[in-house]
Amino acid sequence: MTMAAPPNADASPPDAASPTLVDGVSRDLLRDIEHLAVELAGIAGAEIAKALGGLLAVKYKTAAKEDEWRDPVSEVDNKVERMIRERLAENFPTHDIIGEEMDDRPARGGDFVWSVDPIDGTANFVNGFPLFSASIGVLHKGVPVVGALWCPVSHALRSGVYHCTRSGKLRFDGADVTPKVNPAVRRRLVGVPVATVSDGFWETRKTGSAAFECAMVAAGLMQAARFASPNIWDVAGGLALVFAGGGIARRRDGDDWVPMEKFAPTKEAPDLRYWKNELIVGEPSAVEKMCEAQKAA
């Protein structure tokens, strides 16, 4: 079912203190955006599940030598992103979109930006290894306000969509998710790009998908995750989930780790499409401990 955009979808009522607003954005509008994002993530998941295990057409973005194939992209990546772009143009034509696979920006400059990775963890996907995510994040003036991530596995031991709106609850296929911690577990899991001595407080894992790890952090299956240089589409939706699950984020700024609350252009990346930054996300105590350990490393 195609959902029509509400009238004046980008217009916010003047009273920013109203309980019907979140950071100046109508709660009804956020719910409409979340509804579409969840629907699209679910459709993306269905396409991924249908294709998994088949003989996919795969190309590589980087292949200087035959033994240096990097950054695979499958036919499913392109198909899913095209579908998302078409539906977004129908429902929210004034919203910008930054997708991993396509450069087109028909609504560049809008306050709302959809950041889409059809399959984050494509190398896992094309090898049939079921740790990846279809990730949709929506930013308002750079702040993650909606996240919808389809994952093939979850805390519920099945595929589904983790989703949320800003200031709302973390949900999985519509059901509230309350992260639970077993006090008998002394060494929790963290995701890292490369394990170092500074990560000795935890059991380390590398899944190959920043979006998937954000979902696992939000749901409480991982205590934290560190990412070396994620793109905006890798983490925009995941950050919304982490915040909804009670977590925080820090980004590297020189030798310091500073709060990461919004995506903003920089001198090196004036266009958000080229945003990259080292990040740590997770439970507040774990994030602070990891930041201190990284400073000392």
C-alpha atoms as a PDB file:
ATOM      1  CA  MET A   1       0.000   0.000   0.000  1.00  0.00           C
ATOM      2  CA  THR A   2       1.379   3.415  -0.958  1.00  0.00           C
ATOM      3  CA  MET A   3       1.061   5.991   1.778  1.00  0.00           C
ATOM      4  CA  ALA A   4       0.358   9.583   0.790  1.00  0.00           C
ATOM      5  CA  ALA A   5       2.446  12.292   2.393  1.00  0.00           C
ATOM      6  CA  PRO A   6       0.558  14.499   4.832  1.00  0.00           C
ATOM      7  CA  PRO A   7      -0.200  18.042   3.708  1.00  0.00           C
ATOM      8  CA  ASN A   8       2.698  20.434   4.306  1.00  0.00           C
ATOM      9  CA  ALA A   9       4.764  17.473   5.470  1.00  0.00           C
ATOM     10  CA  ASP A  10       7.880  19.522   6.126  1.00  0.00           C
ATOM     11  CA  ALA A  11       6.107  22.353   7.905  1.00  0.00           C
ATOM     12  CA  SER A  12       6.287  22.392  11.698  1.00  0.00           C
ATOM     13  CA  PRO A  13       3.728  24.204  13.867  1.00  0.00           C
ATOM     14  CA  PRO A  14       5.140  27.330  15.488  1.00  0.00           C
ATOM     15  CA  ASP A  15       4.981  26.211  19.119  1.00  0.00           C
ATOM     16  CA  ALA A  16       8.194  24.162  19.544  1.00  0.00           C
ATOM     17  CA  ALA A  17       7.316  23.459  23.200  1.00  0.00           C
ATOM     18  CA  SER A  18       4.146  21.615  22.232  1.00  0.00           C
ATOM     19  CA  PRO A  19       3.896  18.001  23.455  1.00  0.00           C
ATOM     20  CA  THR A  20       2.931  17.118  19.882  1.00  0.00           C
ATOM     21  CA  LEU A  21       6.442  18.054  18.718  1.00  0.00           C
ATOM     22  CA  VAL A  22       9.856  16.392  18.975  1.00  0.00           C
ATOM     23  CA  ASP A  23      12.683  18.868  18.386  1.00  0.00           C
ATOM     24  CA  GLY A  24      10.299  21.003  16.364  1.00  0.00           C
ATOM     25  CA  VAL A  25       8.970  18.109  14.284  1.00  0.00           C
ATOM     26  CA  SER A  26       5.385  16.869  14.445  1.00  0.00           C
ATOM     27  CA  ARG A  27       5.055  13.506  16.195  1.00  0.00           C
ATOM     28  CA  ASP A  28       2.435  12.564  13.623  1.00  0.00           C
ATOM     29  CA  LEU A  29       4.902  13.273  10.833  1.00  0.00           C
ATOM     30  CA  LEU A  30       7.578  11.199  12.568  1.00  0.00           C
ATOM     31  CA  ARG A  31       5.118   8.318  12.911  1.00  0.00           C
ATOM     32  CA  ASP A  32       4.288   8.554   9.200  1.00  0.00           C
ATOM     33  CA  ILE A  33       7.988   8.545   8.332  1.00  0.00           C
ATOM     34  CA  GLU A  34       8.639   5.611  10.645  1.00  0.00           C
ATOM     35  CA  HIS A  35       5.716   3.697   9.161  1.00  0.00           C
ATOM     36  CA  LEU A  36       7.128   4.069   5.645  1.00  0.00           C
ATOM     37  CA  ALA A  37      10.694   3.316   6.759  1.00  0.00           C
ATOM     38  CA  VAL A  38       9.585   0.101   8.494  1.00  0.00           C
ATOM     39  CA  GLU A  39       7.561  -0.938   5.456  1.00  0.00           C
ATOM     40  CA  LEU A  40      10.497  -0.331   3.118  1.00  0.00           C
ATOM     41  CA  ALA A  41      12.971  -2.110   5.400  1.00  0.00           C
ATOM     42  CA  GLY A  42      10.625  -5.091   5.512  1.00  0.00           C
ATOM     43  CA  ILE A  43      10.297  -5.157   1.727  1.00  0.00           C
ATOM     44  CA  ALA A  44      14.084  -4.927   1.427  1.00  0.00           C
ATOM     45  CA  GLY A  45      14.403  -7.857   3.827  1.00  0.00           C
ATOM     46  CA  ALA A  46      11.994  -9.929   1.756  1.00  0.00           C
ATOM     47  CA  GLU A  47      14.060  -9.265  -1.381  1.00  0.00           C
ATOM     48  CA  ILE A  48      17.257 -10.156   0.449  1.00  0.00           C
ATOM     49  CA  ALA A  49      15.813 -13.372   1.883  1.00  0.00           C
ATOM     50  CA  LYS A  50      14.514 -14.399  -1.537  1.00  0.00           C
ATOM     51  CA  ALA A  51      17.926 -13.896  -3.122  1.00  0.00           C
ATOM     52  CA  LEU A  52      20.116 -15.319  -0.333  1.00  0.00           C
ATOM     53  CA  GLY A  53      21.830 -18.497  -1.409  1.00  0.00           C
ATOM     54  CA  GLY A  54      21.152 -17.960  -5.098  1.00  0.00           C
ATOM     55  CA  LEU A  55      23.634 -17.197  -7.888  1.00  0.00           C
ATOM     56  CA  LEU A  56      23.818 -13.417  -7.657  1.00  0.00           C
ATOM     57  CA  ALA A  57      25.291 -10.992 -10.134  1.00  0.00           C
ATOM     58  CA  VAL A  58      28.128  -9.339  -8.189  1.00  0.00           C
ATOM     59  CA  LYS A  59      30.400  -6.437  -9.126  1.00  0.00           C
ATOM     60  CA  TYR A  60      33.287  -4.886  -7.198  1.00  0.00           C
ATOM     61  CA  LYS A  61      33.835  -1.175  -6.682  1.00  0.00           C
ATOM     62  CA  THR A  62      37.573  -1.638  -6.124  1.00  0.00           C
ATOM     63  CA  ALA A  63      39.691  -4.202  -7.911  1.00  0.00           C
ATOM     64  CA  ALA A  64      43.173  -2.835  -8.643  1.00  0.00           C
ATOM     65  CA  LYS A  65      44.490  -6.404  -8.880  1.00  0.00           C
ATOM     66  CA  GLU A  66      42.746  -9.722  -9.207  1.00  0.00           C
ATOM     67  CA  ASP A  67      43.527 -10.599  -5.581  1.00  0.00           C
ATOM     68  CA  GLU A  68      42.330  -7.237  -4.219  1.00  0.00           C
ATOM     69  CA  TRP A  69      38.614  -7.380  -4.856  1.00  0.00           C
ATOM     70  CA  ARG A  70      36.918  -4.980  -2.430  1.00  0.00           C
ATOM     71  CA  ASP A  71      33.466  -3.503  -1.794  1.00  0.00           C
ATOM     72  CA  PRO A  72      31.138  -5.939  -3.576  1.00  0.00           C
ATOM     73  CA  VAL A  73      27.747  -4.739  -4.771  1.00  0.00           C
ATOM     74  CA  SER A  74      25.024  -7.170  -5.770  1.00  0.00           C
ATOM     75  CA  GLU A  75      22.034  -6.888  -8.049  1.00  0.00           C
ATOM     76  CA  VAL A  76      19.876  -6.891  -4.900  1.00  0.00           C
ATOM     77  CA  ASP A  77      21.615  -3.757  -3.532  1.00  0.00           C
ATOM     78  CA  ASN A  78      20.651  -1.815  -6.656  1.00  0.00           C
ATOM     79  CA  LYS A  79      17.134  -3.241  -6.883  1.00  0.00           C
ATOM     80  CA  VAL A  80      16.341  -2.415  -3.250  1.00  0.00           C
ATOM     81  CA  GLU A  81      17.727   1.127  -3.427  1.00  0.00           C
ATOM     82  CA  ARG A  82      15.747   1.863  -6.606  1.00  0.00           C
ATOM     83  CA  MET A  83      12.575   0.649  -4.907  1.00  0.00           C
ATOM     84  CA  ILE A  84      13.205   2.802  -1.829  1.00  0.00           C
ATOM     85  CA  ARG A  85      13.896   5.866  -3.960  1.00  0.00           C
ATOM     86  CA  GLU A  86      10.702   5.388  -5.959  1.00  0.00           C
ATOM     87  CA  ARG A  87       8.555   5.055  -2.855  1.00  0.00           C
ATOM     88  CA  LEU A  88      10.199   8.022  -1.176  1.00  0.00           C
ATOM     89  CA  ALA A  89       9.561  10.187  -4.256  1.00  0.00           C
ATOM     90  CA  GLU A  90       5.880   9.217  -4.096  1.00  0.00           C
ATOM     91  CA  ASN A  91       5.404   9.811  -0.370  1.00  0.00           C
ATOM     92  CA  PHE A  92       7.896  12.510   0.655  1.00  0.00           C
ATOM     93  CA  PRO A  93       9.089  14.214  -2.551  1.00  0.00           C
ATOM     94  CA  THR A  94      10.726  17.110  -0.659  1.00  0.00           C
ATOM     95  CA  HIS A  95      12.949  14.780   1.387  1.00  0.00           C
ATOM     96  CA  ASP A  96      16.581  14.324   0.347  1.00  0.00           C
ATOM     97  CA  ILE A  97      18.132  10.861   0.080  1.00  0.00           C
ATOM     98  CA  ILE A  98      21.708   9.672   0.411  1.00  0.00           C
ATOM     99  CA  GLY A  99      22.020   6.096  -0.789  1.00  0.00           C
ATOM    100  CA  GLU A 100      25.159   4.014  -0.956  1.00  0.00           C
ATOM    101  CA  GLU A 101      24.652   2.779  -4.503  1.00  0.00           C
ATOM    102  CA  MET A 102      23.256   5.824  -6.343  1.00  0.00           C
ATOM    103  CA  ASP A 103      24.369   9.461  -6.373  1.00  0.00           C
ATOM    104  CA  ASP A 104      21.066  11.030  -7.447  1.00  0.00           C
ATOM    105  CA  ARG A 105      19.853  13.754  -5.020  1.00  0.00           C
ATOM    106  CA  PRO A 106      16.588  15.176  -6.478  1.00  0.00           C
ATOM    107  CA  ALA A 107      15.672  17.006  -3.238  1.00  0.00           C
ATOM    108  CA  ARG A 108      19.134  18.083  -2.106  1.00  0.00           C
ATOM    109  CA  GLY A 109      19.126  20.710   0.621  1.00  0.00           C
ATOM    110  CA  GLY A 110      15.972  19.672   2.479  1.00  0.00           C
ATOM    111  CA  ASP A 111      15.774  19.457   6.274  1.00  0.00           C
ATOM    112  CA  PHE A 112      14.916  15.743   6.049  1.00  0.00           C
ATOM    113  CA  VAL A 113      17.521  13.345   4.676  1.00  0.00           C
ATOM    114  CA  TRP A 114      16.974   9.613   4.262  1.00  0.00           C
ATOM    115  CA  SER A 115      20.247   7.694   4.536  1.00  0.00           C
ATOM    116  CA  VAL A 116      19.910   4.266   2.975  1.00  0.00           C
ATOM    117  CA  ASP A 117      22.143   1.212   2.769  1.00  0.00           C
ATOM    118  CA  PRO A 118      20.220  -1.548   0.949  1.00  0.00           C
ATOM    119  CA  ILE A 119      22.562  -4.193   2.365  1.00  0.00           C
ATOM    120  CA  ASP A 120      25.141  -3.188   4.941  1.00  0.00           C
ATOM    121  CA  GLY A 121      27.469  -6.172   5.003  1.00  0.00           C
ATOM    122  CA  THR A 122      27.287  -7.073   1.317  1.00  0.00           C
ATOM    123  CA  ALA A 123      30.443  -9.200   1.518  1.00  0.00           C
ATOM    124  CA  ASN A 124      28.656 -11.356   4.106  1.00  0.00           C
ATOM    125  CA  PHE A 125      25.497 -11.428   1.992  1.00  0.00           C
ATOM    126  CA  VAL A 126      27.119 -12.532  -1.274  1.00  0.00           C
ATOM    127  CA  ASN A 127      28.909 -15.295   0.635  1.00  0.00           C
ATOM    128  CA  GLY A 128      25.667 -16.470   2.236  1.00  0.00           C
ATOM    129  CA  PHE A 129      26.823 -15.518   5.749  1.00  0.00           C
ATOM    130  CA  PRO A 130      23.672 -14.211   7.488  1.00  0.00           C
ATOM    131  CA  LEU A 131      25.034 -11.176   9.339  1.00  0.00           C
ATOM    132  CA  PHE A 132      24.014  -7.999   7.525  1.00  0.00           C
ATOM    133  CA  SER A 133      21.220  -5.427   7.539  1.00  0.00           C
ATOM    134  CA  ALA A 134      18.969  -3.393   5.289  1.00  0.00           C
ATOM    135  CA  SER A 135      19.379   0.017   6.926  1.00  0.00           C
ATOM    136  CA  ILE A 136      17.196   3.091   6.685  1.00  0.00           C
ATOM    137  CA  GLY A 137      17.911   6.178   8.784  1.00  0.00           C
ATOM    138  CA  VAL A 138      16.112   9.504   8.591  1.00  0.00           C
ATOM    139  CA  LEU A 139      17.792  12.710   9.708  1.00  0.00           C
ATOM    140  CA  HIS A 140      16.179  16.046  10.495  1.00  0.00           C
ATOM    141  CA  LYS A 141      18.734  18.843  10.290  1.00  0.00           C
ATOM    142  CA  GLY A 142      21.387  16.179  10.824  1.00  0.00           C
ATOM    143  CA  VAL A 143      19.767  14.569  13.901  1.00  0.00           C
ATOM    144  CA  PRO A 144      18.729  10.891  13.586  1.00  0.00           C
ATOM    145  CA  VAL A 145      14.961  10.938  14.116  1.00  0.00           C
ATOM    146  CA  VAL A 146      13.874   7.590  12.631  1.00  0.00           C
ATOM    147  CA  GLY A 147      15.636   4.268  12.254  1.00  0.00           C
ATOM    148  CA  ALA A 148      14.437   1.049  10.600  1.00  0.00           C
ATOM    149  CA  LEU A 149      16.850  -1.865  10.217  1.00  0.00           C
ATOM    150  CA  TRP A 150      15.852  -5.262   8.875  1.00  0.00           C
ATOM    151  CA  CYS A 151      18.119  -7.959  10.302  1.00  0.00           C
ATOM    152  CA  PRO A 152      18.167 -11.659   9.381  1.00  0.00           C
ATOM    153  CA  VAL A 153      18.732 -12.607  13.039  1.00  0.00           C
ATOM    154  CA  SER A 154      17.744 -10.848  16.242  1.00  0.00           C
ATOM    155  CA  HIS A 155      17.264 -11.134  20.000  1.00  0.00           C
ATOM    156  CA  ALA A 156      14.063 -12.981  19.101  1.00  0.00           C
ATOM    157  CA  LEU A 157      16.011 -15.576  17.038  1.00  0.00           C
ATOM    158  CA  ARG A 158      14.265 -14.593  13.817  1.00  0.00           C
ATOM    159  CA  SER A 159      14.421 -11.978  11.110  1.00  0.00           C
ATOM    160  CA  GLY A 160      12.561  -8.708  11.479  1.00  0.00           C
ATOM    161  CA  VAL A 161      12.788  -4.920  11.644  1.00  0.00           C
ATOM    162  CA  TYR A 162      14.203  -2.979  14.574  1.00  0.00           C
ATOM    163  CA  HIS A 163      12.712   0.508  14.486  1.00  0.00           C
ATOM    164  CA  CYS A 164      12.135   3.704  16.451  1.00  0.00           C
ATOM    165  CA  THR A 165      11.433   7.411  16.329  1.00  0.00           C
ATOM    166  CA  ARG A 166      13.339  10.039  18.270  1.00  0.00           C
ATOM    167  CA  SER A 167      12.242  10.176  21.926  1.00  0.00           C
ATOM    168  CA  GLY A 168      10.308   6.960  21.365  1.00  0.00           C
ATOM    169  CA  LYS A 169      10.837   3.335  22.338  1.00  0.00           C
ATOM    170  CA  LEU A 170      12.975   0.781  20.571  1.00  0.00           C
ATOM    171  CA  ARG A 171      10.724  -1.756  18.858  1.00  0.00           C
ATOM    172  CA  PHE A 172      11.092  -4.986  16.904  1.00  0.00           C
ATOM    173  CA  ASP A 173       8.275  -5.616  14.423  1.00  0.00           C
ATOM    174  CA  GLY A 174       6.071  -3.340  16.524  1.00  0.00           C
ATOM    175  CA  ALA A 175       6.812  -4.920  19.920  1.00  0.00           C
ATOM    176  CA  ASP A 176       8.717  -2.990  22.590  1.00  0.00           C
ATOM    177  CA  VAL A 177      12.291  -4.119  23.173  1.00  0.00           C
ATOM    178  CA  THR A 178      13.702  -3.795  26.690  1.00  0.00           C
ATOM    179  CA  PRO A 179      17.395  -4.723  26.744  1.00  0.00           C
ATOM    180  CA  LYS A 180      18.128  -7.210  29.535  1.00  0.00           C
ATOM    181  CA  VAL A 181      21.511  -7.892  31.074  1.00  0.00           C
ATOM    182  CA  ASN A 182      22.404 -11.111  32.866  1.00  0.00           C
ATOM    183  CA  PRO A 183      24.452 -10.059  35.937  1.00  0.00           C
ATOM    184  CA  ALA A 184      26.189 -13.448  35.902  1.00  0.00           C
ATOM    185  CA  VAL A 185      27.902 -12.546  32.609  1.00  0.00           C
ATOM    186  CA  ARG A 186      31.173 -10.841  33.572  1.00  0.00           C
ATOM    187  CA  ARG A 187      32.573 -10.187  30.117  1.00  0.00           C
ATOM    188  CA  ARG A 188      30.084  -8.641  27.717  1.00  0.00           C
ATOM    189  CA  LEU A 189      30.374  -8.554  23.932  1.00  0.00           C
ATOM    190  CA  VAL A 190      31.613  -5.544  21.959  1.00  0.00           C
ATOM    191  CA  GLY A 191      32.029  -5.095  18.234  1.00  0.00           C
ATOM    192  CA  VAL A 192      35.418  -3.852  17.061  1.00  0.00           C
ATOM    193  CA  PRO A 193      37.066  -3.379  13.647  1.00  0.00           C
ATOM    194  CA  VAL A 194      40.317  -4.898  14.955  1.00  0.00           C
ATOM    195  CA  ALA A 195      40.772  -6.208  18.500  1.00  0.00           C
ATOM    196  CA  THR A 196      43.485  -4.406  20.495  1.00  0.00           C
ATOM    197  CA  VAL A 197      44.934  -4.711  23.986  1.00  0.00           C
ATOM    198  CA  SER A 198      42.665  -1.824  25.041  1.00  0.00           C
ATOM    199  CA  ASP A 199      39.631  -4.057  24.357  1.00  0.00           C
ATOM    200  CA  GLY A 200      40.663  -6.561  27.033  1.00  0.00           C
ATOM    201  CA  PHE A 201      37.643  -5.707  29.240  1.00  0.00           C
ATOM    202  CA  TRP A 202      35.315  -7.443  26.785  1.00  0.00           C
ATOM    203  CA  GLU A 203      34.769 -10.389  24.474  1.00  0.00           C
ATOM    204  CA  THR A 204      35.332  -8.874  21.019  1.00  0.00           C
ATOM    205  CA  ARG A 205      33.502  -9.629  17.793  1.00  0.00           C
ATOM    206  CA  LYS A 206      33.609  -8.366  14.204  1.00  0.00           C
ATOM    207  CA  THR A 207      30.413  -9.057  12.287  1.00  0.00           C
ATOM    208  CA  GLY A 208      31.218  -7.167   9.091  1.00  0.00           C
ATOM    209  CA  SER A 209      28.193  -4.848   9.346  1.00  0.00           C
ATOM    210  CA  ALA A 210      28.132  -1.611  11.344  1.00  0.00           C
ATOM    211  CA  ALA A 211      24.358  -1.336  10.966  1.00  0.00           C
ATOM    212  CA  PHE A 212      23.820  -4.865  12.292  1.00  0.00           C
ATOM    213  CA  GLU A 213      26.119  -4.183  15.257  1.00  0.00           C
ATOM    214  CA  CYS A 214      24.202  -0.984  16.074  1.00  0.00           C
ATOM    215  CA  ALA A 215      20.993  -3.022  16.184  1.00  0.00           C
ATOM    216  CA  MET A 216      22.610  -5.590  18.464  1.00  0.00           C
ATOM    217  CA  VAL A 217      23.886  -2.814  20.751  1.00  0.00           C
ATOM    218  CA  ALA A 218      20.448  -1.192  20.869  1.00  0.00           C
ATOM    219  CA  ALA A 219      18.819  -4.518  21.760  1.00  0.00           C
ATOM    220  CA  GLY A 220      21.377  -5.197  24.506  1.00  0.00           C
ATOM    221  CA  LEU A 221      23.089  -8.186  22.849  1.00  0.00           C
ATOM    222  CA  MET A 222      26.318  -6.198  22.579  1.00  0.00           C
ATOM    223  CA  GLN A 223      27.411  -3.693  25.207  1.00  0.00           C
ATOM    224  CA  ALA A 224      29.187  -1.421  22.748  1.00  0.00           C
ATOM    225  CA  ALA A 225      30.701  -1.252  19.268  1.00  0.00           C
ATOM    226  CA  ARG A 226      33.570   0.691  17.745  1.00  0.00           C
ATOM    227  CA  PHE A 227      33.724   1.568  14.058  1.00  0.00           C
ATOM    228  CA  ALA A 228      36.902   2.710  12.309  1.00  0.00           C
ATOM    229  CA  SER A 229      35.492   4.862   9.484  1.00  0.00           C
ATOM    230  CA  PRO A 230      31.806   4.214   8.800  1.00  0.00           C
ATOM    231  CA  ASN A 231      29.895   6.032   6.089  1.00  0.00           C
ATOM    232  CA  ILE A 232      26.733   7.927   6.977  1.00  0.00           C
ATOM    233  CA  TRP A 233      24.518   5.200   5.464  1.00  0.00           C
ATOM    234  CA  ASP A 234      26.226   2.565   7.630  1.00  0.00           C
ATOM    235  CA  VAL A 235      25.220   4.159  10.934  1.00  0.00           C
ATOM    236  CA  ALA A 236      22.457   6.770  10.486  1.00  0.00           C
ATOM    237  CA  GLY A 237      19.629   4.329  11.151  1.00  0.00           C
ATOM    238  CA  GLY A 238      21.654   2.434  13.738  1.00  0.00           C
ATOM    239  CA  LEU A 239      22.370   5.544  15.787  1.00  0.00           C
ATOM    240  CA  ALA A 240      18.646   6.245  16.056  1.00  0.00           C
ATOM    241  CA  LEU A 241      18.191   2.711  17.430  1.00  0.00           C
ATOM    242  CA  VAL A 242      21.094   3.041  19.876  1.00  0.00           C
ATOM    243  CA  PHE A 243      19.669   6.285  21.267  1.00  0.00           C
ATOM    244  CA  ALA A 244      16.194   4.738  21.576  1.00  0.00           C
ATOM    245  CA  GLY A 245      17.730   1.810  23.483  1.00  0.00           C
ATOM    246  CA  GLY A 246      19.291   4.174  26.027  1.00  0.00           C
ATOM    247  CA  GLY A 247      22.778   4.214  24.524  1.00  0.00           C
ATOM    248  CA  ILE A 248      25.108   7.060  23.575  1.00  0.00           C
ATOM    249  CA  ALA A 249      27.637   7.712  20.821  1.00  0.00           C
ATOM    250  CA  ARG A 250      31.053   9.341  20.739  1.00  0.00           C
ATOM    251  CA  ARG A 251      33.088  10.343  17.679  1.00  0.00           C
ATOM    252  CA  ARG A 252      36.802  10.897  17.439  1.00  0.00           C
ATOM    253  CA  ASP A 253      37.905  14.510  17.218  1.00  0.00           C
ATOM    254  CA  GLY A 254      41.703  14.487  17.029  1.00  0.00           C
ATOM    255  CA  ASP A 255      42.872  12.874  20.266  1.00  0.00           C
ATOM    256  CA  ASP A 256      39.504  13.355  21.977  1.00  0.00           C
ATOM    257  CA  TRP A 257      36.170  11.573  21.880  1.00  0.00           C
ATOM    258  CA  VAL A 258      33.226  13.990  21.775  1.00  0.00           C
ATOM    259  CA  PRO A 259      29.434  13.456  21.907  1.00  0.00           C
ATOM    260  CA  MET A 260      27.952  12.406  18.574  1.00  0.00           C
ATOM    261  CA  GLU A 261      24.377  13.647  18.427  1.00  0.00           C
ATOM    262  CA  LYS A 262      24.000  14.778  14.817  1.00  0.00           C
ATOM    263  CA  PHE A 263      25.642  14.526  11.426  1.00  0.00           C
ATOM    264  CA  ALA A 264      27.163  17.817  10.313  1.00  0.00           C
ATOM    265  CA  PRO A 265      29.209  18.846   7.270  1.00  0.00           C
ATOM    266  CA  THR A 266      32.924  19.352   7.842  1.00  0.00           C
ATOM    267  CA  LYS A 267      35.722  21.065   5.967  1.00  0.00           C
ATOM    268  CA  GLU A 268      36.825  17.656   4.691  1.00  0.00           C
ATOM    269  CA  ALA A 269      33.253  16.558   3.867  1.00  0.00           C
ATOM    270  CA  PRO A 270      31.002  19.577   3.130  1.00  0.00           C
ATOM    271  CA  ASP A 271      28.469  17.149   1.630  1.00  0.00           C
ATOM    272  CA  LEU A 272      27.059  14.628   4.116  1.00  0.00           C
ATOM    273  CA  ARG A 273      27.374  11.932   1.464  1.00  0.00           C
ATOM    274  CA  TYR A 274      31.101  11.912   2.173  1.00  0.00           C
ATOM    275  CA  TRP A 275      30.831  11.984   5.966  1.00  0.00           C
ATOM    276  CA  LYS A 276      33.158   9.516   7.737  1.00  0.00           C
ATOM    277  CA  ASN A 277      34.252   9.426  11.377  1.00  0.00           C
ATOM    278  CA  GLU A 278      35.493   6.903  13.917  1.00  0.00           C
ATOM    279  CA  LEU A 279      32.625   6.108  16.285  1.00  0.00           C
ATOM    280  CA  ILE A 280      31.922   4.295  19.528  1.00  0.00           C
ATOM    281  CA  VAL A 281      28.320   3.484  20.456  1.00  0.00           C
ATOM    282  CA  GLY A 282      26.757   1.614  23.349  1.00  0.00           C
ATOM    283  CA  GLU A 283      25.837   1.666  27.006  1.00  0.00           C
ATOM    284  CA  PRO A 284      27.138   4.921  28.555  1.00  0.00           C
ATOM    285  CA  SER A 285      29.565   3.277  31.004  1.00  0.00           C
ATOM    286  CA  ALA A 286      31.023   1.009  28.318  1.00  0.00           C
ATOM    287  CA  VAL A 287      31.392   3.837  25.816  1.00  0.00           C
ATOM    288  CA  GLU A 288      33.222   6.023  28.339  1.00  0.00           C
ATOM    289  CA  LYS A 289      35.512   3.133  29.306  1.00  0.00           C
ATOM    290  CA  MET A 290      36.239   2.352  25.667  1.00  0.00           C
ATOM    291  CA  CYS A 291      36.978   6.014  24.899  1.00  0.00           C
ATOM    292  CA  GLU A 292      39.435   6.219  27.791  1.00  0.00           C
ATOM    293  CA  ALA A 293      41.087   2.981  26.713  1.00  0.00           C
ATOM    294  CA  GLN A 294      41.469   4.270  23.162  1.00  0.00           C
ATOM    295  CA  LYS A 295      43.057   7.499  24.405  1.00  0.00           C
ATOM    296  CA  ALA A 296      45.592   5.511  26.392  1.00  0.00           C
ATOM    297  CA  ALA A 297      46.330   3.045  23.582  1.00  0.00           C
END
